[in-house]
Each structure stands twice: as C-alpha cells, then as structure tokens.
Amino acid sequence: MNIPSLNLKETATWLKTLTVPQLLLIFAPLTFLIIFLFLPIREVLTPFIFAAVVAYLLTPLVEFLTEKAHLPRIISIVGIFFIFIILLSVTLTQVIALVNGEVRQLSEESRSVSLYIKTLPGWAQGPAIYLAASFQNTSTLKQFFTLPFLENTASRVISLFAFFVALFYFLKDSTRIGRRVPQTGLTRTINETLQNYVRGQAILVIVMTLVTWIFLSVLGIKFAFILSLFTGFAELIPYVGPITAGGAAVIVTFLTGSPFFQESALLGVLVVAAGYFLLRQLEDFLVVPHVVGRSVKLHPLIILFTTLFAGKLFGFIGLLLGVPFVATYKVIVEAFLKKEAAFFNKHP
C-alpha cells in the first residue's frame, strides 16, 4: 500500500483505491488519535472551533453580498463582521444580565421554598427537599451557562480576541480554502450535510429558547429565562435532553408556584407539562422537518451516544460538533462502500 505525498487530489485518488478493511484500519485509529491529541488542549482550540462554525454559517451571506450585491469581498466581510459583533455584544449583555438576575433570585427563593416544602404532605417532603437542594447550587448553574474557555478575566480577553481574529480570517480565506478541496460529489454531500445540520440545530435552539421563554413568562413561572435557555440547548441531546428540560420546568413550577395557579400547584405542574408536550409535538412536526430535516441520516441511538460521548469529552463544543463529525465519517464510509460494491459487481 503506497502512501502518496500530502496533496489533496493525489490523496483523494489514493483513498479510492483502498478496500473497506484498509479504510477501517486507517480511519478508526485516526479518529481515536484525534480525540487523544485534542483532549488536553480542548480549551485552547475551543475559540478557533467556534470561529470556524460561525464562519461556516456566515460564509453564504458573504458570498451573496459579493456576487449579488457586487460589493468588494473585504467590504462585505467587514460589514458583516461588525454587525455580528454588535449583535453578539447586545445579546450576551442581555443574556448575562437575565441569567445573573435569575441566579440571584434563585438564591433568595431558597428560604421560601424550604418553608413551602414544610406545608407539603409527609410523603412529598423527602423528594421535594432533594429536588430543591439540586436547584439551590448556583455555582452549578453558573458553570452550565459559562463557556469552558471563558473561565477568568485574562483567558476571557485572550479567547475573545482569538475568536474574532480567527473569524475574520476564516471569512476572508473561505474561498481559498474551498478551492483547495476537490469538488466532487462526496465533498458536496459532506458540505450539504454539515450545512443542513449546523444551521438547522442553531435555528432549532433559538426557536425553542424563545418559544419556551414566552410560554413560561406568560404563565409567570420563575426563572423562565434560565429554564428556556436550558430547554433550547437541551435540544442538542435527542430524547433525553427535551425530557430533562421538561422535568426541570415541572420541578421549578412545583417548588415555586405560579401566580395563575396559586390555589393548586398540581394544576400549574400539569399545565407546564402539557405545554412542554405540545411544544415538543409542534417541534417534531413543524420545526424539525422544515428546519433540520433528515440531514445527518443517523440512527437516533447513534446520535444519542455520540452527543453524550462527545459532550463528556469536549463539553459544549462536543455537543455541537460530535454528530456532524460522525455524519461526515458515515458519508465517507458509505461512498467507499458503494465504490467497493460497484467494483465487485464488475469483477465477480
């Protein structure tokens, strides 16, 4: 097996000559090697990976302004870049303010929750005390809503600077990078799969966060913003995520109540549970088919395992990119399996 020099076209041609066992022999150890090498430096790589993902999402807009509006590419990039910075700054400022406010409120509510638990029947006090204790740990909440590469002031400044610099150069050099990748049916399929999944998941998280926030706010549920953020990002974990988010909302409603259901906490719990169930059905029938679609074509168990495994190893970035990585691997393997089948059909 003669290995070619590091030229993309020659490498692609060489890969097409390999058999399935040879492919598995190469790609399986390579996958584990990548995980092993990246794991110790995942905090350093995170801002660059985020920049690559954001650039991947914004590149079509740059291409549209360049080709359709006939703007110079650098002008298009600078304009989009600064609009993105402004929107990101405003969004983060508002989100951080809301989260901090609700975390402080959560600490203040802990005493009233304890008093409320004492009024419950004896059989319900034990589980309620356990659930309340799990929600009183504000440090856990802060860790959940803090990106792993923004742990202190110094690293925050350096990481944000690295993110924006990397984002600018990714946008600037995206066409040059694209030209170096051979344009084949395989690469187009991979690109389409990644675009559909990443953009679809981003839209899904935003839609579910906003809709849940409106729903919980209308009912007067406390900590509505934290719960809605948790619900949105929980969509990245199939099945388990939405169920966990719905359970968290039900528990908070049970412990803190609602102004609309002061006389019956159970009624409030039932309304919130029914609302989450209805939102889940609307998501499955309206949002997912039109926004996400069946872009990755992976079995739900594979998606679940990949999400949990990648999330455990790489944190939030693993939740975001684990499934696209496996989907890309699947597309490559399927392409070579088809080539292998065609070869044996011609040479029985």
Protein backbone atom coordinates (compact mmCIF):
# COMPACT_ATOMS: atom_id res chain seq x y z
CA MET A 1 0.00 0.00 0.00
CA ASN A 2 1.91 3.05 -1.30
CA ILE A 3 1.06 6.21 0.60
CA PRO A 4 1.08 9.38 -1.56
CA SER A 5 2.54 12.76 -0.66
CA LEU A 6 0.31 15.25 1.15
CA ASN A 7 -1.53 16.50 -1.93
CA LEU A 8 -5.30 16.61 -1.64
CA LYS A 9 -6.07 15.41 -5.17
CA GLU A 10 -3.48 12.64 -5.03
CA THR A 11 -4.68 11.63 -1.57
CA ALA A 12 -8.31 11.50 -2.76
CA THR A 13 -7.28 9.33 -5.72
CA TRP A 14 -5.27 7.07 -3.43
CA LEU A 15 -8.17 6.68 -0.98
CA LYS A 16 -10.41 5.48 -3.81
CA THR A 17 -8.03 2.57 -4.40
CA LEU A 18 -8.31 1.28 -0.84
CA THR A 19 -10.51 -1.61 0.21
CA VAL A 20 -13.02 -1.42 3.07
CA PRO A 21 -10.75 -3.20 5.60
CA GLN A 22 -7.93 -0.81 4.72
CA LEU A 23 -10.23 2.17 5.19
CA LEU A 24 -11.36 0.94 8.60
CA LEU A 25 -7.75 0.24 9.53
CA ILE A 26 -6.83 3.86 8.72
CA PHE A 27 -9.84 5.87 9.88
CA ALA A 28 -10.66 4.11 13.16
CA PRO A 29 -7.21 4.65 14.76
CA LEU A 30 -7.10 8.13 13.22
CA THR A 31 -10.36 9.05 14.94
CA PHE A 32 -9.10 7.95 18.35
CA LEU A 33 -5.76 9.68 17.72
CA ILE A 34 -7.56 12.97 17.01
CA ILE A 35 -9.57 12.62 20.22
CA PHE A 36 -6.44 11.75 22.21
CA LEU A 37 -4.45 14.70 20.83
CA PHE A 38 -7.22 17.30 21.10
CA LEU A 39 -8.48 16.37 24.57
CA PRO A 40 -5.67 18.03 26.60
CA ILE A 41 -5.86 21.27 24.57
CA ARG A 42 -9.62 21.49 24.02
CA GLU A 43 -9.85 24.79 25.93
CA VAL A 44 -7.24 26.33 23.61
CA LEU A 45 -8.94 25.03 20.47
CA THR A 46 -12.47 26.00 21.51
CA PRO A 47 -12.43 29.67 20.35
CA PHE A 48 -10.98 28.62 16.98
CA ILE A 49 -13.59 25.88 16.56
CA PHE A 50 -16.37 28.31 17.44
CA ALA A 51 -14.92 30.79 14.95
CA ALA A 52 -14.87 28.10 12.25
CA VAL A 53 -18.51 27.19 12.95
CA VAL A 54 -19.67 30.84 12.89
CA ALA A 55 -17.67 31.49 9.70
CA TYR A 56 -19.25 28.40 8.16
CA LEU A 57 -22.68 29.87 8.94
CA LEU A 58 -21.85 33.39 7.72
CA THR A 59 -19.93 32.50 4.54
CA PRO A 60 -23.09 32.16 2.36
CA LEU A 61 -24.07 35.70 3.38
CA VAL A 62 -20.62 36.97 2.39
CA GLU A 63 -20.90 35.17 -0.95
CA PHE A 64 -24.36 36.66 -1.52
CA LEU A 65 -23.18 40.24 -0.90
CA THR A 66 -20.11 39.68 -3.07
CA GLU A 67 -21.85 38.04 -6.03
CA LYS A 68 -25.37 39.51 -5.97
CA ALA A 69 -24.80 42.95 -4.46
CA HIS A 70 -21.41 43.30 -6.23
CA LEU A 71 -19.68 44.55 -3.09
CA PRO A 72 -15.93 44.01 -2.67
CA ARG A 73 -15.35 40.90 -0.57
CA ILE A 74 -13.39 42.71 2.11
CA ILE A 75 -16.17 45.33 2.46
CA SER A 76 -18.78 42.58 2.79
CA ILE A 77 -16.72 40.80 5.42
CA VAL A 78 -16.02 43.94 7.45
CA GLY A 79 -19.71 44.95 7.37
CA ILE A 80 -20.96 41.52 8.42
CA PHE A 81 -18.16 41.25 10.97
CA PHE A 82 -19.09 44.45 12.79
CA ILE A 83 -22.83 43.78 12.61
CA PHE A 84 -22.15 40.35 14.11
CA ILE A 85 -20.01 41.88 16.88
CA ILE A 86 -22.74 44.41 17.75
CA LEU A 87 -25.50 41.79 17.78
CA LEU A 88 -23.36 39.38 19.79
CA SER A 89 -22.41 42.06 22.32
CA VAL A 90 -26.01 43.18 22.83
CA THR A 91 -27.26 39.60 23.06
CA LEU A 92 -24.58 38.48 25.51
CA THR A 93 -25.09 41.58 27.66
CA GLN A 94 -28.82 40.95 27.92
CA VAL A 95 -28.45 37.20 28.41
CA ILE A 96 -25.80 37.55 31.13
CA ALA A 97 -27.89 40.19 32.92
CA LEU A 98 -31.00 37.99 32.84
CA VAL A 99 -29.14 34.87 33.95
CA ASN A 100 -27.35 36.65 36.81
CA GLY A 101 -30.63 38.20 37.95
CA GLU A 102 -32.42 34.87 37.99
CA VAL A 103 -29.49 33.12 39.70
CA ARG A 104 -29.61 35.75 42.48
CA GLN A 105 -33.37 35.32 42.68
CA LEU A 106 -32.86 31.56 42.94
CA SER A 107 -30.62 32.05 45.96
CA GLU A 108 -33.18 34.36 47.57
CA GLU A 109 -36.02 31.93 46.86
CA SER A 110 -34.33 29.03 48.61
CA ARG A 111 -35.70 30.04 52.02
CA SER A 112 -39.28 30.46 50.84
CA VAL A 113 -39.03 27.12 49.03
CA SER A 114 -37.95 25.47 52.29
CA LEU A 115 -40.98 26.95 54.05
CA TYR A 116 -43.24 25.81 51.23
CA ILE A 117 -41.90 22.26 51.45
CA LYS A 118 -42.90 22.10 55.11
CA THR A 119 -46.53 22.62 54.09
CA LEU A 120 -46.48 19.58 51.79
CA PRO A 121 -47.76 16.14 52.84
CA GLY A 122 -45.19 13.98 54.60
CA TRP A 123 -44.78 11.60 51.66
CA ALA A 124 -43.88 14.50 49.35
CA GLN A 125 -41.41 16.33 51.60
CA GLY A 126 -38.48 13.94 51.10
CA PRO A 127 -38.42 14.11 47.28
CA ALA A 128 -39.13 17.86 47.37
CA ILE A 129 -36.16 18.51 49.69
CA TYR A 130 -33.88 16.52 47.38
CA LEU A 131 -35.09 18.38 44.29
CA ALA A 132 -34.79 21.78 45.97
CA ALA A 133 -31.21 21.04 47.03
CA SER A 134 -30.26 20.23 43.45
CA PHE A 135 -31.57 23.61 42.28
CA GLN A 136 -30.00 25.66 45.07
CA ASN A 137 -26.47 25.06 43.82
CA THR A 138 -26.00 28.33 41.94
CA SER A 139 -22.37 27.51 41.12
CA THR A 140 -23.58 24.60 39.01
CA LEU A 141 -25.93 26.91 37.13
CA LYS A 142 -23.17 29.41 36.51
CA GLN A 143 -20.89 26.66 35.22
CA PHE A 144 -23.60 25.47 32.83
CA PHE A 145 -24.03 28.91 31.28
CA THR A 146 -20.29 29.70 31.14
CA LEU A 147 -18.33 28.58 28.10
CA PRO A 148 -15.32 26.45 29.03
CA PHE A 149 -12.81 28.87 27.52
CA LEU A 150 -14.18 31.88 29.44
CA GLU A 151 -13.23 30.86 32.98
CA ASN A 152 -11.43 34.02 34.12
CA THR A 153 -10.90 37.57 33.01
CA ALA A 154 -7.48 37.07 31.40
CA SER A 155 -8.45 33.99 29.40
CA ARG A 156 -11.74 35.67 28.50
CA VAL A 157 -10.00 38.61 26.83
CA ILE A 158 -7.44 36.44 25.06
CA SER A 159 -10.02 33.90 23.90
CA LEU A 160 -12.44 36.54 22.60
CA PHE A 161 -9.60 38.23 20.74
CA ALA A 162 -8.55 34.88 19.23
CA PHE A 163 -12.17 34.14 18.31
CA PHE A 164 -12.70 37.40 16.41
CA VAL A 165 -9.31 37.29 14.67
CA ALA A 166 -9.88 33.68 13.61
CA LEU A 167 -13.43 34.51 12.48
CA PHE A 168 -12.18 37.36 10.28
CA TYR A 169 -9.53 35.22 8.59
CA PHE A 170 -11.89 32.26 8.16
CA LEU A 171 -14.35 34.54 6.36
CA LYS A 172 -11.61 36.22 4.35
CA ASP A 173 -9.96 32.98 3.20
CA SER A 174 -13.05 30.77 2.89
CA THR A 175 -12.97 30.78 -0.93
CA ARG A 176 -9.24 30.00 -0.96
CA ILE A 177 -9.83 27.10 1.43
CA GLY A 178 -12.74 25.90 -0.70
CA ARG A 179 -10.62 25.90 -3.86
CA ARG A 180 -8.06 23.63 -2.20
CA VAL A 181 -10.73 21.00 -1.50
CA PRO A 182 -11.51 18.81 -4.54
CA GLN A 183 -15.09 19.50 -5.71
CA THR A 184 -16.54 16.02 -6.02
CA GLY A 185 -19.93 14.51 -5.32
CA LEU A 186 -18.56 13.31 -1.98
CA THR A 187 -17.37 16.73 -0.81
CA ARG A 188 -20.63 18.35 -1.94
CA THR A 189 -22.61 15.75 0.02
CA ILE A 190 -20.49 16.35 3.13
CA ASN A 191 -20.84 20.12 2.78
CA GLU A 192 -24.61 19.89 2.35
CA THR A 193 -24.92 17.56 5.34
CA LEU A 194 -22.88 19.82 7.60
CA GLN A 195 -24.67 22.99 6.48
CA ASN A 196 -28.12 21.49 7.00
CA TYR A 197 -27.25 20.12 10.41
CA VAL A 198 -25.31 23.04 11.92
CA ARG A 199 -27.70 25.72 10.66
CA GLY A 200 -30.72 23.61 11.48
CA GLN A 201 -29.57 22.96 15.04
CA ALA A 202 -28.72 26.64 15.58
CA ILE A 203 -32.19 27.70 14.41
CA LEU A 204 -33.82 24.95 16.47
CA VAL A 205 -32.04 26.05 19.67
CA ILE A 206 -33.01 29.70 19.10
CA VAL A 207 -36.64 28.91 18.24
CA MET A 208 -37.16 26.57 21.21
CA THR A 209 -35.47 29.02 23.59
CA LEU A 210 -37.67 31.94 22.50
CA VAL A 211 -40.93 29.97 22.38
CA THR A 212 -40.30 28.37 25.77
CA TRP A 213 -39.37 31.74 27.29
CA ILE A 214 -42.62 33.28 26.04
CA PHE A 215 -44.66 30.30 27.29
CA LEU A 216 -43.14 30.27 30.78
CA SER A 217 -43.20 34.07 31.10
CA VAL A 218 -46.91 34.22 30.21
CA LEU A 219 -47.61 31.67 32.96
CA GLY A 220 -45.49 33.67 35.40
CA ILE A 221 -43.08 30.79 36.07
CA LYS A 222 -40.00 31.95 37.94
CA PHE A 223 -36.55 31.54 36.39
CA ALA A 224 -38.23 31.40 32.97
CA PHE A 225 -35.13 32.59 31.11
CA ILE A 226 -32.77 30.05 32.68
CA LEU A 227 -35.28 27.29 32.00
CA SER A 228 -35.77 28.41 28.40
CA LEU A 229 -32.00 28.52 27.77
CA PHE A 230 -31.67 25.07 29.25
CA THR A 231 -34.56 23.86 27.08
CA GLY A 232 -33.03 25.30 23.92
CA PHE A 233 -29.58 23.78 24.40
CA ALA A 234 -31.10 20.51 25.61
CA GLU A 235 -32.41 20.08 22.06
CA LEU A 236 -28.84 19.14 21.10
CA ILE A 237 -29.33 15.88 23.04
CA PRO A 238 -32.07 13.81 21.37
CA TYR A 239 -34.88 12.43 23.53
CA VAL A 240 -33.03 12.73 26.85
CA GLY A 241 -32.49 16.50 26.52
CA PRO A 242 -36.12 17.56 25.97
CA ILE A 243 -37.38 15.19 28.68
CA THR A 244 -34.83 16.55 31.16
CA ALA A 245 -35.70 20.15 30.28
CA GLY A 246 -39.41 19.48 30.68
CA GLY A 247 -38.77 17.76 34.01
CA ALA A 248 -36.75 20.75 35.23
CA ALA A 249 -39.57 23.15 34.32
CA VAL A 250 -42.12 20.96 36.09
CA ILE A 251 -39.96 20.76 39.23
CA VAL A 252 -39.43 24.53 39.34
CA THR A 253 -43.16 25.11 38.87
CA PHE A 254 -43.93 22.66 41.68
CA LEU A 255 -41.45 24.25 44.09
CA THR A 256 -42.04 27.95 43.34
CA GLY A 257 -45.62 28.02 42.05
CA SER A 258 -47.24 30.42 39.62
CA PRO A 259 -49.48 33.49 40.10
CA PHE A 260 -52.05 31.86 37.83
CA PHE A 261 -52.21 28.68 39.91
CA GLN A 262 -51.89 29.88 43.49
CA GLU A 263 -54.65 27.61 44.78
CA SER A 264 -53.42 24.45 43.06
CA ALA A 265 -49.71 23.81 42.48
CA LEU A 266 -50.63 20.50 40.86
CA LEU A 267 -52.69 22.29 38.21
CA GLY A 268 -49.72 24.52 37.40
CA VAL A 269 -47.48 21.47 37.06
CA LEU A 270 -49.98 19.81 34.72
CA VAL A 271 -50.26 22.94 32.55
CA VAL A 272 -46.47 23.28 32.25
CA ALA A 273 -46.09 19.57 31.48
CA ALA A 274 -48.85 19.77 28.86
CA GLY A 275 -47.27 22.89 27.37
CA TYR A 276 -43.87 21.20 27.03
CA PHE A 277 -45.52 18.15 25.48
CA LEU A 278 -47.37 20.35 22.97
CA LEU A 279 -44.20 22.31 22.13
CA ARG A 280 -42.38 19.03 21.58
CA GLN A 281 -45.06 17.84 19.16
CA LEU A 282 -45.00 21.14 17.25
CA GLU A 283 -41.21 20.89 17.09
CA ASP A 284 -41.33 17.34 15.73
CA PHE A 285 -43.99 18.07 13.10
CA LEU A 286 -43.20 21.66 12.09
CA VAL A 287 -39.73 22.82 13.09
CA VAL A 288 -37.58 19.71 12.65
CA PRO A 289 -38.84 18.58 9.20
CA HIS A 290 -38.57 22.07 7.68
CA VAL A 291 -35.53 23.44 9.52
CA VAL A 292 -33.36 20.45 10.41
CA GLY A 293 -34.80 17.74 8.20
CA ARG A 294 -33.16 14.35 7.99
CA SER A 295 -29.82 15.94 7.22
CA VAL A 296 -27.50 13.52 9.01
CA LYS A 297 -29.49 10.30 8.42
CA LEU A 298 -28.15 8.65 11.56
CA HIS A 299 -29.96 6.25 13.86
CA PRO A 300 -31.30 8.01 16.99
CA LEU A 301 -29.22 5.75 19.27
CA ILE A 302 -26.05 6.71 17.40
CA ILE A 303 -26.95 10.40 17.73
CA LEU A 304 -27.66 9.97 21.45
CA PHE A 305 -24.43 8.07 22.14
CA THR A 306 -22.34 10.47 20.04
CA THR A 307 -23.82 13.54 21.72
CA LEU A 308 -23.27 12.24 25.25
CA PHE A 309 -19.80 10.85 24.48
CA ALA A 310 -18.56 13.99 22.70
CA GLY A 311 -20.17 16.22 25.32
CA LYS A 312 -18.41 14.34 28.11
CA LEU A 313 -15.02 14.65 26.39
CA PHE A 314 -15.23 18.16 24.90
CA GLY A 315 -18.08 19.91 26.74
CA PHE A 316 -20.38 22.23 24.80
CA ILE A 317 -18.26 22.10 21.65
CA GLY A 318 -18.63 18.31 21.69
CA LEU A 319 -22.41 18.62 21.95
CA LEU A 320 -22.37 20.93 18.94
CA LEU A 321 -19.94 19.12 16.63
CA GLY A 322 -19.98 15.46 17.69
CA VAL A 323 -22.90 14.46 15.46
CA PRO A 324 -21.65 16.36 12.35
CA PHE A 325 -18.26 14.65 12.76
CA VAL A 326 -19.86 11.19 12.86
CA ALA A 327 -22.20 12.12 9.98
CA THR A 328 -19.19 13.14 7.87
CA TYR A 329 -17.45 9.89 8.72
CA LYS A 330 -20.61 7.99 7.71
CA VAL A 331 -20.84 9.80 4.35
CA ILE A 332 -17.20 8.96 3.57
CA VAL A 333 -17.58 5.30 4.53
CA GLU A 334 -20.82 4.97 2.53
CA ALA A 335 -19.18 6.49 -0.54
CA PHE A 336 -16.35 3.98 -0.45
CA LEU A 337 -18.73 1.10 0.30
CA LYS A 338 -20.65 1.99 -2.88
CA LYS A 339 -17.37 2.09 -4.81
CA GLU A 340 -16.42 -1.28 -3.35
CA ALA A 341 -19.79 -2.82 -4.27
CA ALA A 342 -19.52 -1.48 -7.83
CA PHE A 343 -16.05 -2.99 -8.14
CA PHE A 344 -17.21 -6.46 -7.07
CA ASN A 345 -20.27 -6.26 -9.34
CA LYS A 346 -17.96 -5.66 -12.30
CA HIS A 347 -15.47 -8.32 -11.16
CA PRO A 348 -17.49 -11.22 -9.71
